[in-house]
Amino acid sequence: MHENAYFIYIAILVALFIGVLFWAFGKKRKKRFEKDAEIPFQDKQ
């Protein structure tokens, strides 16, 4: 019983991790990432 519960727990964590990766690196966020990547190179006011 414990082995099955452990496998289900790990499978859920892996699925959540992959889901977060797809959410974070989706096409909708590409423009924001590109804009944020320029922040260190902007002149300070």
N, C-alpha and C. Protein backbone atom coordinates (compact mmCIF):
# COMPACT_ATOMS: atom_id res chain seq x y z
N MET A 1 0.83 -1.20 0.00
CA MET A 1 0.00 0.00 0.00
C MET A 1 0.87 1.26 0.00
N HIS A 2 1.93 1.25 0.77
CA HIS A 2 2.76 2.43 0.87
C HIS A 2 3.49 2.72 -0.43
N GLU A 3 3.85 1.66 -1.16
CA GLU A 3 4.55 1.86 -2.43
C GLU A 3 3.64 2.54 -3.45
N ASN A 4 2.38 2.16 -3.47
CA ASN A 4 1.43 2.78 -4.39
C ASN A 4 1.19 4.24 -4.03
N ALA A 5 1.08 4.54 -2.76
CA ALA A 5 0.87 5.92 -2.32
C ALA A 5 2.08 6.77 -2.66
N TYR A 6 3.27 6.22 -2.49
CA TYR A 6 4.50 6.95 -2.81
C TYR A 6 4.56 7.24 -4.31
N PHE A 7 4.23 6.25 -5.13
CA PHE A 7 4.24 6.44 -6.58
C PHE A 7 3.23 7.50 -7.00
N ILE A 8 2.05 7.48 -6.45
CA ILE A 8 1.02 8.47 -6.79
C ILE A 8 1.47 9.86 -6.37
N TYR A 9 2.07 9.97 -5.21
CA TYR A 9 2.57 11.26 -4.71
C TYR A 9 3.64 11.81 -5.64
N ILE A 10 4.60 10.99 -6.03
CA ILE A 10 5.67 11.42 -6.93
C ILE A 10 5.10 11.77 -8.30
N ALA A 11 4.16 10.99 -8.81
CA ALA A 11 3.56 11.27 -10.11
C ALA A 11 2.83 12.61 -10.11
N ILE A 12 2.13 12.92 -9.04
CA ILE A 12 1.43 14.19 -8.93
C ILE A 12 2.43 15.35 -8.88
N LEU A 13 3.50 15.19 -8.12
CA LEU A 13 4.52 16.24 -8.04
C LEU A 13 5.19 16.48 -9.39
N VAL A 14 5.49 15.42 -10.12
CA VAL A 14 6.11 15.57 -11.43
C VAL A 14 5.14 16.26 -12.39
N ALA A 15 3.88 15.87 -12.36
CA ALA A 15 2.88 16.49 -13.23
C ALA A 15 2.73 17.98 -12.90
N LEU A 16 2.72 18.33 -11.63
CA LEU A 16 2.62 19.73 -11.23
C LEU A 16 3.85 20.51 -11.69
N PHE A 17 5.02 19.93 -11.55
CA PHE A 17 6.26 20.59 -11.97
C PHE A 17 6.24 20.85 -13.48
N ILE A 18 5.84 19.86 -14.26
CA ILE A 18 5.77 20.03 -15.71
C ILE A 18 4.71 21.08 -16.06
N GLY A 19 3.60 21.08 -15.35
CA GLY A 19 2.57 22.09 -15.58
C GLY A 19 3.08 23.50 -15.31
N VAL A 20 3.84 23.67 -14.25
CA VAL A 20 4.41 24.99 -13.93
C VAL A 20 5.39 25.41 -15.01
N LEU A 21 6.19 24.48 -15.52
CA LEU A 21 7.12 24.81 -16.59
C LEU A 21 6.38 25.29 -17.84
N PHE A 22 5.33 24.58 -18.23
CA PHE A 22 4.56 24.99 -19.40
C PHE A 22 3.91 26.36 -19.16
N TRP A 23 3.42 26.60 -17.95
CA TRP A 23 2.80 27.89 -17.65
C TRP A 23 3.83 29.01 -17.70
N ALA A 24 4.99 28.77 -17.09
CA ALA A 24 5.99 29.83 -16.99
C ALA A 24 6.63 30.17 -18.33
N PHE A 25 6.85 29.17 -19.16
CA PHE A 25 7.56 29.39 -20.42
C PHE A 25 6.63 29.36 -21.62
N GLY A 26 5.35 29.61 -21.39
CA GLY A 26 4.39 29.65 -22.49
C GLY A 26 4.63 30.85 -23.40
N LYS A 27 4.07 30.79 -24.57
CA LYS A 27 4.25 31.85 -25.57
C LYS A 27 3.67 33.19 -25.09
N LYS A 28 2.67 33.15 -24.26
CA LYS A 28 2.03 34.38 -23.79
C LYS A 28 2.97 35.23 -22.94
N ARG A 29 3.95 34.59 -22.31
CA ARG A 29 4.85 35.31 -21.42
C ARG A 29 6.17 35.69 -22.07
N LYS A 30 6.37 35.34 -23.32
CA LYS A 30 7.65 35.60 -23.99
C LYS A 30 7.95 37.10 -24.06
N LYS A 31 6.96 37.91 -24.39
CA LYS A 31 7.20 39.35 -24.48
C LYS A 31 7.62 39.92 -23.13
N ARG A 32 7.00 39.46 -22.08
CA ARG A 32 7.36 39.96 -20.75
C ARG A 32 8.79 39.55 -20.40
N PHE A 33 9.16 38.31 -20.70
CA PHE A 33 10.53 37.86 -20.42
C PHE A 33 11.54 38.69 -21.19
N GLU A 34 11.24 38.98 -22.45
CA GLU A 34 12.16 39.78 -23.25
C GLU A 34 12.28 41.20 -22.69
N LYS A 35 11.17 41.76 -22.26
CA LYS A 35 11.18 43.10 -21.66
C LYS A 35 11.95 43.09 -20.34
N ASP A 36 11.71 42.10 -19.52
CA ASP A 36 12.40 42.01 -18.23
C ASP A 36 13.90 41.75 -18.40
N ALA A 37 14.28 41.08 -19.48
CA ALA A 37 15.69 40.79 -19.71
C ALA A 37 16.49 42.06 -20.01
N GLU A 38 15.80 43.11 -20.44
CA GLU A 38 16.48 44.37 -20.76
C GLU A 38 16.67 45.27 -19.55
N ILE A 39 16.07 44.95 -18.43
CA ILE A 39 16.13 45.80 -17.25
C ILE A 39 17.57 46.08 -16.79
N PRO A 40 18.46 45.11 -16.74
CA PRO A 40 19.82 45.43 -16.27
C PRO A 40 20.58 46.39 -17.17
N PHE A 41 20.17 46.50 -18.42
CA PHE A 41 20.88 47.33 -19.37
C PHE A 41 20.29 48.74 -19.50
N GLN A 42 19.21 49.01 -18.80
CA GLN A 42 18.58 50.34 -18.86
C GLN A 42 19.36 51.31 -17.99
N ASP A 43 19.37 52.56 -18.41
CA ASP A 43 20.02 53.60 -17.61
C ASP A 43 19.18 53.91 -16.38
N LYS A 44 19.86 54.11 -15.28
CA LYS A 44 19.15 54.48 -14.05
C LYS A 44 18.82 55.96 -14.10
N GLN A 45 17.71 56.29 -13.54
CA GLN A 45 17.26 57.71 -13.55
C GLN A 45 17.65 58.41 -12.28
